C-alpha atoms as a PDB file:
ATOM      1  CA  MET A   1     -98.450   5.416 -14.324  1.00  0.00           C
ATOM      2  CA  PRO A   2     -97.567   1.736 -13.551  1.00  0.00           C
ATOM      3  CA  LEU A   3     -95.027  -0.044 -15.649  1.00  0.00           C
ATOM      4  CA  SER A   4     -95.889  -2.863 -17.714  1.00  0.00           C
ATOM      5  CA  GLY A   5     -93.980  -6.243 -17.559  1.00  0.00           C
ATOM      6  CA  PHE A   6     -91.789  -5.485 -20.578  1.00  0.00           C
ATOM      7  CA  GLY A   7     -90.843  -2.020 -19.186  1.00  0.00           C
ATOM      8  CA  LEU A   8     -89.958  -3.395 -15.934  1.00  0.00           C
ATOM      9  CA  VAL A   9     -87.542  -5.954 -17.393  1.00  0.00           C
ATOM     10  CA  SER A  10     -86.111  -3.299 -19.666  1.00  0.00           C
ATOM     11  CA  LEU A  11     -85.320  -1.222 -16.496  1.00  0.00           C
ATOM     12  CA  VAL A  12     -83.898  -4.065 -14.751  1.00  0.00           C
ATOM     13  CA  VAL A  13     -81.629  -4.885 -17.612  1.00  0.00           C
ATOM     14  CA  LEU A  14     -80.557  -1.281 -17.968  1.00  0.00           C
ATOM     15  CA  ILE A  15     -79.503  -1.100 -14.465  1.00  0.00           C
ATOM     16  CA  LEU A  16     -77.679  -4.450 -14.646  1.00  0.00           C
ATOM     17  CA  ALA A  17     -75.766  -3.185 -17.756  1.00  0.00           C
ATOM     18  CA  VAL A  18     -74.847  -0.006 -16.097  1.00  0.00           C
ATOM     19  CA  VAL A  19     -73.552  -1.919 -12.941  1.00  0.00           C
ATOM     20  CA  PHE A  20     -71.784  -4.558 -15.414  1.00  0.00           C
ATOM     21  CA  VAL A  21     -70.044  -1.845 -17.329  1.00  0.00           C
ATOM     22  CA  THR A  22     -69.163   0.104 -14.040  1.00  0.00           C
ATOM     23  CA  ARG A  23     -67.470  -2.941 -12.520  1.00  0.00           C
ATOM     24  CA  ALA A  24     -65.812  -3.927 -15.786  1.00  0.00           C
ATOM     25  CA  MET A  25     -64.058  -0.547 -16.277  1.00  0.00           C
ATOM     26  CA  LYS A  26     -60.762   0.054 -14.290  1.00  0.00           C
ATOM     27  CA  VAL A  27     -58.521   3.159 -14.472  1.00  0.00           C
ATOM     28  CA  VAL A  28     -55.086   2.551 -13.049  1.00  0.00           C
ATOM     29  CA  PRO A  29     -53.202   5.523 -12.094  1.00  0.00           C
ATOM     30  CA  GLN A  30     -49.701   6.338 -13.241  1.00  0.00           C
ATOM     31  CA  GLN A  31     -46.927   4.523 -11.488  1.00  0.00           C
ATOM     32  CA  HIS A  32     -49.229   1.976 -10.137  1.00  0.00           C
ATOM     33  CA  ALA A  33     -50.075  -1.851 -10.945  1.00  0.00           C
ATOM     34  CA  TRP A  34     -53.012  -3.659 -10.178  1.00  0.00           C
ATOM     35  CA  ILE A  35     -53.105  -7.663  -9.938  1.00  0.00           C
ATOM     36  CA  VAL A  36     -56.110  -9.171 -11.467  1.00  0.00           C
ATOM     37  CA  GLU A  37     -57.405 -12.854 -10.242  1.00  0.00           C
ATOM     38  CA  ARG A  38     -59.904 -14.704 -12.350  1.00  0.00           C
ATOM     39  CA  LEU A  39     -61.774 -17.245 -10.075  1.00  0.00           C
ATOM     40  CA  GLY A  40     -59.170 -16.811  -7.401  1.00  0.00           C
ATOM     41  CA  LYS A  41     -56.137 -17.512  -9.708  1.00  0.00           C
ATOM     42  CA  TYR A  42     -53.567 -14.899 -10.878  1.00  0.00           C
ATOM     43  CA  ASP A  43     -54.601 -13.867 -14.382  1.00  0.00           C
ATOM     44  CA  ARG A  44     -52.919 -10.635 -15.397  1.00  0.00           C
ATOM     45  CA  THR A  45     -51.273  -7.314 -14.101  1.00  0.00           C
ATOM     46  CA  LEU A  46     -53.040  -4.027 -15.204  1.00  0.00           C
ATOM     47  CA  GLY A  47     -50.935  -1.108 -16.174  1.00  0.00           C
ATOM     48  CA  PRO A  48     -51.644   2.619 -15.986  1.00  0.00           C
ATOM     49  CA  GLY A  49     -54.774   3.629 -18.109  1.00  0.00           C
ATOM     50  CA  LEU A  50     -58.185   2.302 -18.678  1.00  0.00           C
ATOM     51  CA  SER A  51     -58.685  -1.501 -18.652  1.00  0.00           C
ATOM     52  CA  PHE A  52     -61.616  -3.884 -18.670  1.00  0.00           C
ATOM     53  CA  ILE A  53     -62.365  -6.969 -16.577  1.00  0.00           C
ATOM     54  CA  VAL A  54     -65.191  -9.467 -16.236  1.00  0.00           C
ATOM     55  CA  PRO A  55     -67.314  -8.551 -13.375  1.00  0.00           C
ATOM     56  CA  PHE A  56     -68.127 -11.217 -10.959  1.00  0.00           C
ATOM     57  CA  ILE A  57     -65.377 -13.535 -12.357  1.00  0.00           C
ATOM     58  CA  ASP A  58     -62.407 -11.299 -12.267  1.00  0.00           C
ATOM     59  CA  ARG A  59     -61.434  -9.163  -9.378  1.00  0.00           C
ATOM     60  CA  VAL A  60     -58.664  -6.689  -8.500  1.00  0.00           C
ATOM     61  CA  ALA A  61     -56.750  -8.544  -5.656  1.00  0.00           C
ATOM     62  CA  TYR A  62     -53.857  -6.290  -4.977  1.00  0.00           C
ATOM     63  CA  LYS A  63     -52.924  -2.697  -5.747  1.00  0.00           C
ATOM     64  CA  HIS A  64     -49.215  -1.820  -5.735  1.00  0.00           C
ATOM     65  CA  SER A  65     -47.308   1.722  -6.002  1.00  0.00           C
ATOM     66  CA  LEU A  66     -44.337   1.543  -8.172  1.00  0.00           C
ATOM     67  CA  LYS A  67     -42.727   4.629  -6.668  1.00  0.00           C
ATOM     68  CA  GLU A  68     -39.766   4.639  -4.415  1.00  0.00           C
ATOM     69  CA  ILE A  69     -41.092   4.372  -0.820  1.00  0.00           C
ATOM     70  CA  PRO A  70     -39.104   5.307   2.259  1.00  0.00           C
ATOM     71  CA  LEU A  71     -39.635   2.951   5.225  1.00  0.00           C
ATOM     72  CA  ASP A  72     -38.496   3.893   8.778  1.00  0.00           C
ATOM     73  CA  VAL A  73     -36.824   1.148  10.511  1.00  0.00           C
ATOM     74  CA  PRO A  74     -37.554   1.119  14.216  1.00  0.00           C
ATOM     75  CA  SER A  75     -34.447   1.742  16.555  1.00  0.00           C
ATOM     76  CA  GLN A  76     -32.950  -1.183  18.187  1.00  0.00           C
ATOM     77  CA  ILE A  77     -30.147  -1.982  20.534  1.00  0.00           C
ATOM     78  CA  CYS A  78     -26.935  -3.609  18.969  1.00  0.00           C
ATOM     79  CA  ILE A  79     -23.947  -4.903  20.639  1.00  0.00           C
ATOM     80  CA  THR A  80     -20.504  -4.144  19.077  1.00  0.00           C
ATOM     81  CA  LYS A  81     -17.562  -6.401  18.912  1.00  0.00           C
ATOM     82  CA  ASP A  82     -16.099  -4.898  22.084  1.00  0.00           C
ATOM     83  CA  ASN A  83     -19.423  -5.401  24.013  1.00  0.00           C
ATOM     84  CA  THR A  84     -20.889  -2.026  23.943  1.00  0.00           C
ATOM     85  CA  GLN A  85     -24.421  -1.352  23.439  1.00  0.00           C
ATOM     86  CA  LEU A  86     -25.667   1.031  20.770  1.00  0.00           C
ATOM     87  CA  THR A  87     -29.071   2.295  19.958  1.00  0.00           C
ATOM     88  CA  VAL A  88     -29.460   2.380  16.268  1.00  0.00           C
ATOM     89  CA  ASP A  89     -32.294   3.348  13.880  1.00  0.00           C
ATOM     90  CA  GLY A  90     -32.484   4.115  10.045  1.00  0.00           C
ATOM     91  CA  VAL A  91     -34.451   4.622   7.117  1.00  0.00           C
ATOM     92  CA  LEU A  92     -34.786   2.220   4.104  1.00  0.00           C
ATOM     93  CA  TYR A  93     -35.661   3.034   0.546  1.00  0.00           C
ATOM     94  CA  PHE A  94     -37.333   0.380  -1.689  1.00  0.00           C
ATOM     95  CA  GLN A  95     -39.483   0.113  -4.918  1.00  0.00           C
ATOM     96  CA  VAL A  96     -41.788  -2.537  -6.228  1.00  0.00           C
ATOM     97  CA  THR A  97     -40.178  -4.048  -9.456  1.00  0.00           C
ATOM     98  CA  ASP A  98     -42.368  -7.073  -9.775  1.00  0.00           C
ATOM     99  CA  PRO A  99     -45.875  -6.599  -8.706  1.00  0.00           C
ATOM    100  CA  MET A 100     -46.954 -10.382  -9.242  1.00  0.00           C
ATOM    101  CA  ARG A 101     -44.159 -11.392  -6.640  1.00  0.00           C
ATOM    102  CA  ALA A 102     -44.931  -8.610  -4.436  1.00  0.00           C
ATOM    103  CA  SER A 103     -48.353 -10.074  -4.131  1.00  0.00           C
ATOM    104  CA  TYR A 104     -47.829 -13.693  -3.772  1.00  0.00           C
ATOM    105  CA  GLY A 105     -43.924 -13.843  -2.583  1.00  0.00           C
ATOM    106  CA  SER A 106     -44.589 -12.829   0.739  1.00  0.00           C
ATOM    107  CA  SER A 107     -47.856 -12.325   3.044  1.00  0.00           C
ATOM    108  CA  ASN A 108     -46.379  -8.778   4.000  1.00  0.00           C
ATOM    109  CA  TYR A 109     -43.157  -7.720   2.210  1.00  0.00           C
ATOM    110  CA  ILE A 110     -42.896  -4.435   4.225  1.00  0.00           C
ATOM    111  CA  SER A 111     -42.768  -6.276   7.576  1.00  0.00           C
ATOM    112  CA  ALA A 112     -40.353  -8.756   5.895  1.00  0.00           C
ATOM    113  CA  ILE A 113     -38.017  -5.936   4.797  1.00  0.00           C
ATOM    114  CA  THR A 114     -38.266  -4.264   8.092  1.00  0.00           C
ATOM    115  CA  GLN A 115     -37.328  -7.399  10.087  1.00  0.00           C
ATOM    116  CA  LEU A 116     -34.577  -8.422   7.871  1.00  0.00           C
ATOM    117  CA  ALA A 117     -33.063  -4.839   7.971  1.00  0.00           C
ATOM    118  CA  GLN A 118     -33.049  -5.080  11.836  1.00  0.00           C
ATOM    119  CA  THR A 119     -31.415  -8.329  12.043  1.00  0.00           C
ATOM    120  CA  THR A 120     -28.762  -7.644   9.282  1.00  0.00           C
ATOM    121  CA  LEU A 121     -27.936  -4.439  11.057  1.00  0.00           C
ATOM    122  CA  ARG A 122     -27.291  -6.350  14.277  1.00  0.00           C
ATOM    123  CA  SER A 123     -25.159  -8.577  12.548  1.00  0.00           C
ATOM    124  CA  VAL A 124     -22.988  -5.934  10.826  1.00  0.00           C
ATOM    125  CA  VAL A 125     -22.571  -3.930  13.874  1.00  0.00           C
ATOM    126  CA  GLY A 126     -21.569  -6.987  15.949  1.00  0.00           C
ATOM    127  CA  LYS A 127     -18.581  -7.403  13.660  1.00  0.00           C
ATOM    128  CA  LEU A 128     -17.165  -3.833  14.301  1.00  0.00           C
ATOM    129  CA  GLU A 129     -15.736  -2.095  17.385  1.00  0.00           C
ATOM    130  CA  LEU A 130     -17.306   0.977  18.831  1.00  0.00           C
ATOM    131  CA  ASP A 131     -14.935   3.547  17.207  1.00  0.00           C
ATOM    132  CA  LYS A 132     -15.414   1.789  13.843  1.00  0.00           C
ATOM    133  CA  THR A 133     -18.954   1.938  13.977  1.00  0.00           C
ATOM    134  CA  PHE A 134     -18.855   5.812  13.700  1.00  0.00           C
ATOM    135  CA  GLU A 135     -16.393   5.702  10.889  1.00  0.00           C
ATOM    136  CA  GLU A 136     -17.868   2.785   8.791  1.00  0.00           C
ATOM    137  CA  ARG A 137     -21.269   4.178   8.195  1.00  0.00           C
ATOM    138  CA  ASP A 138     -21.026   3.782   4.522  1.00  0.00           C
ATOM    139  CA  PHE A 139     -19.865   0.205   5.015  1.00  0.00           C
ATOM    140  CA  ILE A 140     -22.823  -0.715   7.400  1.00  0.00           C
ATOM    141  CA  ASN A 141     -25.300   0.839   4.885  1.00  0.00           C
ATOM    142  CA  SER A 142     -23.804  -0.867   1.919  1.00  0.00           C
ATOM    143  CA  SER A 143     -23.886  -4.368   3.789  1.00  0.00           C
ATOM    144  CA  VAL A 144     -27.559  -3.971   5.000  1.00  0.00           C
ATOM    145  CA  VAL A 145     -28.541  -3.043   1.284  1.00  0.00           C
ATOM    146  CA  SER A 146     -26.690  -5.985  -0.021  1.00  0.00           C
ATOM    147  CA  ALA A 147     -28.277  -8.342   2.160  1.00  0.00           C
ATOM    148  CA  LEU A 148     -31.713  -7.005   1.837  1.00  0.00           C
ATOM    149  CA  ASP A 149     -31.499  -6.830  -2.009  1.00  0.00           C
ATOM    150  CA  GLU A 150     -30.664 -10.504  -2.380  1.00  0.00           C
ATOM    151  CA  ALA A 151     -33.486 -11.616  -0.197  1.00  0.00           C
ATOM    152  CA  ALA A 152     -36.066  -9.091  -1.448  1.00  0.00           C
ATOM    153  CA  LEU A 153     -35.768 -10.374  -5.114  1.00  0.00           C
ATOM    154  CA  ASN A 154     -38.074 -13.201  -4.174  1.00  0.00           C
ATOM    155  CA  TRP A 155     -40.660 -10.648  -2.919  1.00  0.00           C
ATOM    156  CA  GLY A 156     -40.609  -8.481  -6.141  1.00  0.00           C
ATOM    157  CA  VAL A 157     -38.901  -5.583  -4.239  1.00  0.00           C
ATOM    158  CA  LYS A 158     -35.764  -3.647  -5.049  1.00  0.00           C
ATOM    159  CA  VAL A 159     -33.858  -2.306  -2.008  1.00  0.00           C
ATOM    160  CA  LEU A 160     -32.266   1.065  -3.225  1.00  0.00           C
ATOM    161  CA  ARG A 161     -30.395   2.153  -0.062  1.00  0.00           C
ATOM    162  CA  TYR A 162     -30.298   2.231   3.655  1.00  0.00           C
ATOM    163  CA  GLU A 163     -29.216   5.161   5.751  1.00  0.00           C
ATOM    164  CA  ILE A 164     -28.447   5.143   9.396  1.00  0.00           C
ATOM    165  CA  LYS A 165     -30.293   8.026  11.141  1.00  0.00           C
ATOM    166  CA  ASP A 166     -28.655   7.776  14.725  1.00  0.00           C
ATOM    167  CA  LEU A 167     -25.955   5.787  16.631  1.00  0.00           C
ATOM    168  CA  THR A 168     -26.443   6.460  20.144  1.00  0.00           C
ATOM    169  CA  PRO A 169     -24.166   4.927  22.868  1.00  0.00           C
ATOM    170  CA  PRO A 170     -24.829   4.754  26.644  1.00  0.00           C
ATOM    171  CA  ASN A 171     -24.354   8.033  28.550  1.00  0.00           C
ATOM    172  CA  GLU A 172     -21.071   6.479  30.371  1.00  0.00           C
ATOM    173  CA  ILE A 173     -19.675   6.058  26.935  1.00  0.00           C
ATOM    174  CA  LEU A 174     -20.623   9.319  25.658  1.00  0.00           C
ATOM    175  CA  ARG A 175     -18.846  10.896  28.640  1.00  0.00           C
ATOM    176  CA  SER A 176     -15.760   8.990  28.128  1.00  0.00           C
ATOM    177  CA  MET A 177     -15.671   9.724  24.550  1.00  0.00           C
ATOM    178  CA  GLN A 178     -16.069  13.444  25.142  1.00  0.00           C
ATOM    179  CA  ALA A 179     -13.001  13.379  27.806  1.00  0.00           C
ATOM    180  CA  GLN A 180     -11.091  11.467  25.229  1.00  0.00           C
ATOM    181  CA  ILE A 181     -11.770  14.067  22.605  1.00  0.00           C
ATOM    182  CA  THR A 182     -11.193  16.919  24.984  1.00  0.00           C
ATOM    183  CA  ALA A 183      -7.618  15.283  25.863  1.00  0.00           C
ATOM    184  CA  GLU A 184      -6.953  14.818  22.073  1.00  0.00           C
ATOM    185  CA  ARG A 185      -7.642  18.445  21.335  1.00  0.00           C
ATOM    186  CA  GLU A 186      -5.576  19.654  24.209  1.00  0.00           C
ATOM    187  CA  LYS A 187      -2.732  17.452  23.093  1.00  0.00           C
ATOM    188  CA  ARG A 188      -2.955  18.871  19.466  1.00  0.00           C
ATOM    189  CA  ALA A 189      -2.927  22.410  21.008  1.00  0.00           C
ATOM    190  CA  ARG A 190       0.096  21.679  23.032  1.00  0.00           C
ATOM    191  CA  ILE A 191       1.998  20.163  20.004  1.00  0.00           C
ATOM    192  CA  ALA A 192       0.995  23.159  18.074  1.00  0.00           C
ATOM    193  CA  GLU A 193       2.109  25.511  20.515  1.00  0.00           C
ATOM    194  CA  SER A 194       5.435  23.650  20.951  1.00  0.00           C
ATOM    195  CA  GLU A 195       5.893  23.488  17.136  1.00  0.00           C
ATOM    196  CA  GLY A 196       5.351  27.358  17.238  1.00  0.00           C
ATOM    197  CA  ARG A 197       8.027  27.978  19.785  1.00  0.00           C
ATOM    198  CA  LYS A 198      10.470  25.578  17.996  1.00  0.00           C
ATOM    199  CA  GLN A 199       9.956  27.548  14.748  1.00  0.00           C
ATOM    200  CA  GLU A 200      10.201  30.703  16.659  1.00  0.00           C
ATOM    201  CA  GLN A 201      13.747  29.493  17.942  1.00  0.00           C
ATOM    202  CA  ILE A 202      14.720  28.498  14.459  1.00  0.00           C
ATOM    203  CA  ASN A 203      13.679  31.667  12.917  1.00  0.00           C
ATOM    204  CA  LEU A 204      15.660  33.606  15.587  1.00  0.00           C
ATOM    205  CA  ALA A 205      18.774  31.409  15.206  1.00  0.00           C
ATOM    206  CA  THR A 206      18.506  31.818  11.475  1.00  0.00           C
ATOM    207  CA  GLY A 207      18.255  35.685  11.814  1.00  0.00           C
ATOM    208  CA  GLU A 208      21.112  35.743  14.138  1.00  0.00           C
ATOM    209  CA  ARG A 209      23.242  33.699  11.836  1.00  0.00           C
ATOM    210  CA  GLU A 210      22.340  35.526   8.895  1.00  0.00           C
ATOM    211  CA  SER A 211      22.893  38.820  10.772  1.00  0.00           C
ATOM    212  CA  PHE A 212      26.256  37.518  12.010  1.00  0.00           C
ATOM    213  CA  ILE A 213      27.257  36.559   8.359  1.00  0.00           C
ATOM    214  CA  GLN A 214      26.286  39.937   7.065  1.00  0.00           C
ATOM    215  CA  ARG A 215      28.369  41.741   9.766  1.00  0.00           C
ATOM    216  CA  SER A 216      31.434  39.537   9.051  1.00  0.00           C
ATOM    217  CA  GLU A 217      30.829  40.128   5.379  1.00  0.00           C
ATOM    218  CA  GLY A 218      30.761  43.885   6.070  1.00  0.00           C
ATOM    219  CA  GLU A 219      33.855  43.734   8.213  1.00  0.00           C
ATOM    220  CA  ARG A 220      35.738  41.787   5.772  1.00  0.00           C
ATOM    221  CA  GLN A 221      34.813  44.234   2.966  1.00  0.00           C
ATOM    222  CA  ALA A 222      35.817  47.017   5.234  1.00  0.00           C
ATOM    223  CA  GLU A 223      39.226  45.588   5.995  1.00  0.00           C
ATOM    224  CA  VAL A 224      39.624  44.977   2.155  1.00  0.00           C
ATOM    225  CA  ASN A 225      38.748  48.470   1.540  1.00  0.00           C
ATOM    226  CA  ARG A 226      40.928  49.701   4.260  1.00  0.00           C
ATOM    227  CA  ALA A 227      43.902  47.759   3.130  1.00  0.00           C
ATOM    228  CA  MET A 228      43.370  48.729  -0.487  1.00  0.00           C
ATOM    229  CA  GLY A 229      43.364  52.400   0.796  1.00  0.00           C
ATOM    230  CA  GLU A 230      46.599  51.921   2.627  1.00  0.00           C
ATOM    231  CA  ALA A 231      47.961  50.264  -0.212  1.00  0.00           C
ATOM    232  CA  ALA A 232      47.020  53.060  -2.592  1.00  0.00           C
ATOM    233  CA  ALA A 233      48.310  55.549  -0.002  1.00  0.00           C
ATOM    234  CA  ILE A 234      51.818  53.768   0.147  1.00  0.00           C
ATOM    235  CA  GLN A 235      51.816  53.462  -3.636  1.00  0.00           C
ATOM    236  CA  ALA A 236      51.044  57.251  -3.914  1.00  0.00           C
ATOM    237  CA  VAL A 237      53.856  58.315  -1.403  1.00  0.00           C
ATOM    238  CA  ALA A 238      56.193  55.928  -3.228  1.00  0.00           C
ATOM    239  CA  ASP A 239      55.441  57.638  -6.648  1.00  0.00           C
ATOM    240  CA  ALA A 240      55.741  61.063  -5.130  1.00  0.00           C
ATOM    241  CA  THR A 241      59.044  60.225  -3.662  1.00  0.00           C
ATOM    242  CA  ALA A 242      60.168  58.640  -6.839  1.00  0.00           C
ATOM    243  CA  ARG A 243      59.200  61.639  -8.885  1.00  0.00           C
ATOM    244  CA  ALA A 244      60.849  63.875  -6.078  1.00  0.00           C
ATOM    245  CA  ILE A 245      64.164  61.963  -6.356  1.00  0.00           C
ATOM    246  CA  GLU A 246      63.997  62.134 -10.156  1.00  0.00           C
ATOM    247  CA  ARG A 247      63.466  65.801 -10.033  1.00  0.00           C
ATOM    248  CA  ILE A 248      66.263  66.255  -7.663  1.00  0.00           C
ATOM    249  CA  GLY A 249      68.620  64.244  -9.803  1.00  0.00           C
ATOM    250  CA  ALA A 250      67.650  66.226 -12.885  1.00  0.00           C
ATOM    251  CA  SER A 251      68.275  69.620 -10.930  1.00  0.00           C
ATOM    252  CA  LEU A 252      71.639  68.387  -9.950  1.00  0.00           C
ATOM    253  CA  ARG A 253      72.585  68.106 -13.402  1.00  0.00           C
ATOM    254  CA  GLN A 254      71.633  71.439 -14.200  1.00  0.00           C
ATOM    255  CA  PRO A 255      74.093  74.263 -14.075  1.00  0.00           C
ATOM    256  CA  GLY A 256      74.241  75.791 -10.401  1.00  0.00           C
ATOM    257  CA  GLY A 257      72.398  72.700  -9.118  1.00  0.00           C
ATOM    258  CA  MET A 258      75.162  71.453  -6.800  1.00  0.00           C
ATOM    259  CA  GLU A 259      75.594  74.837  -5.223  1.00  0.00           C
ATOM    260  CA  ALA A 260      71.847  74.934  -4.577  1.00  0.00           C
ATOM    261  CA  VAL A 261      71.996  71.596  -2.804  1.00  0.00           C
ATOM    262  CA  ASN A 262      75.076  72.581  -0.733  1.00  0.00           C
ATOM    263  CA  LEU A 263      72.992  75.720   0.417  1.00  0.00           C
ATOM    264  CA  ARG A 264      70.032  73.528   1.273  1.00  0.00           C
ATOM    265  CA  VAL A 265      71.833  71.085   3.142  1.00  0.00           C
ATOM    266  CA  ALA A 266      73.574  73.676   5.122  1.00  0.00           C
ATOM    267  CA  GLU A 267      70.276  75.281   6.020  1.00  0.00           C
ATOM    268  CA  LYS A 268      68.880  71.870   7.170  1.00  0.00           C
ATOM    269  CA  TYR A 269      72.016  71.105   9.193  1.00  0.00           C
ATOM    270  CA  VAL A 270      71.587  74.443  11.079  1.00  0.00           C
ATOM    271  CA  GLU A 271      67.884  73.949  11.600  1.00  0.00           C
ATOM    272  CA  ALA A 272      68.389  70.563  12.987  1.00  0.00           C
ATOM    273  CA  LEU A 273      71.046  71.939  15.411  1.00  0.00           C
ATOM    274  CA  GLY A 274      68.881  74.601  16.526  1.00  0.00           C
ATOM    275  CA  LYS A 275      65.854  72.209  17.267  1.00  0.00           C
ATOM    276  CA  LEU A 276      68.216  69.994  19.274  1.00  0.00           C
ATOM    277  CA  ALA A 277      69.195  72.972  21.409  1.00  0.00           C
ATOM    278  CA  LYS A 278      65.488  73.887  22.095  1.00  0.00           C
ATOM    279  CA  GLU A 279      64.022  70.427  22.828  1.00  0.00           C
ATOM    280  CA  ASN A 280      66.863  68.635  24.875  1.00  0.00           C
ATOM    281  CA  ASN A 281      68.807  69.667  27.937  1.00  0.00           C
ATOM    282  CA  THR A 282      71.745  67.494  26.717  1.00  0.00           C
ATOM    283  CA  MET A 283      72.919  68.631  23.396  1.00  0.00           C
ATOM    284  CA  ILE A 284      75.045  66.494  21.095  1.00  0.00           C
ATOM    285  CA  VAL A 285      77.384  68.567  18.747  1.00  0.00           C
ATOM    286  CA  PRO A 286      80.098  67.606  16.361  1.00  0.00           C
ATOM    287  CA  ALA A 287      83.563  67.649  17.394  1.00  0.00           C
ATOM    288  CA  ASN A 288      84.551  70.469  14.967  1.00  0.00           C
ATOM    289  CA  LEU A 289      81.670  72.783  15.138  1.00  0.00           C
ATOM    290  CA  THR A 290      83.380  75.854  13.760  1.00  0.00           C
ATOM    291  CA  ASP A 291      84.128  74.007  10.557  1.00  0.00           C
ATOM    292  CA  VAL A 292      80.587  73.918   9.138  1.00  0.00           C
ATOM    293  CA  ALA A 293      81.996  74.279   5.640  1.00  0.00           C
ATOM    294  CA  SER A 294      83.694  70.827   6.005  1.00  0.00           C
ATOM    295  CA  LEU A 295      80.455  69.184   7.279  1.00  0.00           C
ATOM    296  CA  VAL A 296      78.544  70.531   4.412  1.00  0.00           C
ATOM    297  CA  ALA A 297      81.167  69.353   1.974  1.00  0.00           C
ATOM    298  CA  THR A 298      80.971  65.883   3.383  1.00  0.00           C
ATOM    299  CA  ALA A 299      77.178  65.855   2.837  1.00  0.00           C
ATOM    300  CA  THR A 300      77.468  66.948  -0.618  1.00  0.00           C
ATOM    301  CA  SER A 301      80.128  64.480  -1.342  1.00  0.00           C
ATOM    302  CA  VAL A 302      77.534  61.702  -0.750  1.00  0.00           C
ATOM    303  CA  ILE A 303      75.160  63.382  -3.120  1.00  0.00           C
ATOM    304  CA  ARG A 304      77.844  63.621  -5.775  1.00  0.00           C
ATOM    305  CA  GLN A 305      78.366  59.789  -5.467  1.00  0.00           C
ATOM    306  CA  GLN A 306      74.719  59.019  -6.099  1.00  0.00           C
ATOM    307  CA  PRO A 307      74.421  59.838  -9.685  1.00  0.00           C
ATOM    308  CA  ALA A 308      77.731  58.107 -10.342  1.00  0.00           C
ATOM    309  CA  GLY A 309      76.470  54.958  -8.694  1.00  0.00           C
ATOM    310  CA  GLY A 310      73.229  55.140 -10.565  1.00  0.00           C
ATOM    311  CA  ALA A 311      75.043  55.442 -13.778  1.00  0.00           C
ATOM    312  CA  GLY A 312      77.155  52.510 -12.896  1.00  0.00           C
ATOM    313  CA  ARG A 313      74.196  50.455 -12.645  1.00  0.00           C
END
């Protein structure tokens, strides 16, 4: 059935209303920001959620992600302070913090960050010698971040960190470095071996010294013990002799004691003469051998004088 003029107009109005509402509604995802221009001029920034714009007057000119973005920095050749070439590449992490500046501050902030990172890296590496470039990675990274962060502020971008992925010197430098490392390891091995031998000699000398000290201490203690034993033996003999003399003196003072001594002296005298006759070819005898009684009397007279002398003292 053909539509009337009024029905056709209503259909056209409905279609235009649907198109208008569709173009007016904008749903911004989380961690995103959209820049709205009105008649070619910046108007506002749309945050996450549902927003409305005026169709045909407003338009979404730029869309930015507010997430942290990793950016590979292409490898490049850098020359160190000692004129050595290094092939260096890295990765840069940044985040859009001001969507309006990111839209209008630079025509392409990603390319600008990449180029600035490369030039800054060449400048920092050029101030260091080859050996220092391997040791000062943290310094290089922080220097690049500091320089980029200051410049990227006008681009609405925050540079979070920069990390060097590879530092590759020429093959000739690699071979010489490897030879240097090998020589250094061999030197450390020889030093460690010599230190071991030195410590071994010290331990042996210390052991011998302690052993000698222990032996000398043992010998000294043995001498002391031997001397103490001999002294004790001498003391014991002296004590025994003194007790024997005291007993003999006491026996002499008893009745019949002198006669017993006379008899004992005579026996010893005769026994001594018998031994001389057996052991020697030449025999020494007294002038008056037949007068044994007079010899015994002479010996006993000495014995009689001893108590008298002792009493005198």
